[in-house]
Amino acid sequence: MEDLDLYGVFLPSSAALALSAYVGLRVLASFLGKTGFYRAVWHRSLFNLALYISLVGGFSAAIDWFQ
C-alpha cells in the first residue's frame, strides 16, 4: 500500500485505514446502542476496542484482497 496525497500532505495508508475504521466504529456503536445490544455486553469499552481492532483488520484484509 502506498501513501495518500491529501492536498500536498502525505499520509500513510494505515492512518486512512485507522480513520475509516473509527468512523465505522462510531456508526456501529450508535446502532448497537439504539438496539439495546450493549445491555448484553459485560464491558462496553473492551467490546468497542475489540470491535475497532476487528474493523481495522477487516478493512486491511479487504484492501489487500482487492489489490
Protein backbone atom coordinates (compact mmCIF):
# COMPACT_ATOMS: atom_id res chain seq x y z
CA MET A 1 0.00 0.00 0.00
CA GLU A 2 1.23 3.47 -0.76
CA ASP A 3 0.95 6.87 0.88
CA LEU A 4 -2.09 9.04 0.26
CA ASP A 5 -1.64 12.57 -1.07
CA LEU A 6 -4.13 14.86 0.68
CA TYR A 7 -3.63 18.35 -0.81
CA GLY A 8 0.14 18.05 -0.61
CA VAL A 9 0.24 16.30 2.76
CA PHE A 10 1.32 12.70 2.54
CA LEU A 11 -0.46 10.38 4.95
CA PRO A 12 0.45 6.76 5.50
CA SER A 13 -2.24 4.39 4.30
CA SER A 14 -2.51 2.97 7.81
CA ALA A 15 -3.73 6.38 9.05
CA ALA A 16 -6.51 6.39 6.48
CA LEU A 17 -7.33 2.81 7.41
CA ALA A 18 -7.49 3.68 11.12
CA LEU A 19 -9.68 6.71 10.42
CA SER A 20 -12.12 4.73 8.31
CA ALA A 21 -12.30 2.03 10.99
CA TYR A 22 -13.00 4.71 13.61
CA VAL A 23 -15.86 6.10 11.53
CA GLY A 24 -17.22 2.58 11.10
CA LEU A 25 -16.92 2.02 14.86
CA ARG A 26 -18.90 5.18 15.62
CA VAL A 27 -21.66 4.12 13.23
CA LEU A 28 -21.81 0.57 14.62
CA ALA A 29 -21.67 1.76 18.25
CA SER A 30 -24.56 4.12 17.62
CA PHE A 31 -26.59 1.34 16.02
CA LEU A 32 -25.77 -1.14 18.79
CA GLY A 33 -26.66 1.42 21.45
CA LYS A 34 -30.03 2.15 19.89
CA THR A 35 -30.92 -1.53 19.56
CA GLY A 36 -30.02 -2.25 23.21
CA PHE A 37 -27.22 -4.70 22.36
CA TYR A 38 -24.90 -3.19 24.97
CA ARG A 39 -27.12 -4.48 27.79
CA ALA A 40 -25.80 -7.97 26.98
CA VAL A 41 -22.13 -6.84 26.90
CA TRP A 42 -20.11 -7.16 30.09
CA HIS A 43 -17.63 -4.32 29.45
CA ARG A 44 -18.60 -1.82 26.79
CA SER A 45 -15.14 -0.25 26.40
CA LEU A 46 -13.42 -3.61 25.89
CA PHE A 47 -16.09 -4.64 23.42
CA ASN A 48 -15.62 -1.40 21.47
CA LEU A 49 -11.84 -1.91 21.43
CA ALA A 50 -12.25 -5.44 20.09
CA LEU A 51 -14.74 -4.17 17.51
CA TYR A 52 -12.31 -1.45 16.39
CA ILE A 53 -9.44 -3.91 16.03
CA SER A 54 -11.69 -6.25 14.07
CA LEU A 55 -12.72 -3.41 11.75
CA VAL A 56 -9.10 -2.39 11.13
CA GLY A 57 -8.17 -5.98 10.35
CA GLY A 58 -11.20 -6.49 8.14
CA PHE A 59 -10.61 -3.28 6.19
CA SER A 60 -6.94 -4.15 5.77
CA ALA A 61 -7.76 -7.64 4.50
CA ALA A 62 -10.36 -6.25 2.12
CA ILE A 63 -7.90 -3.73 0.68
CA ASP A 64 -5.22 -6.40 0.24
CA TRP A 65 -7.71 -8.74 -1.41
CA PHE A 66 -8.93 -6.19 -3.94
CA GLN A 67 -5.43 -5.10 -4.98
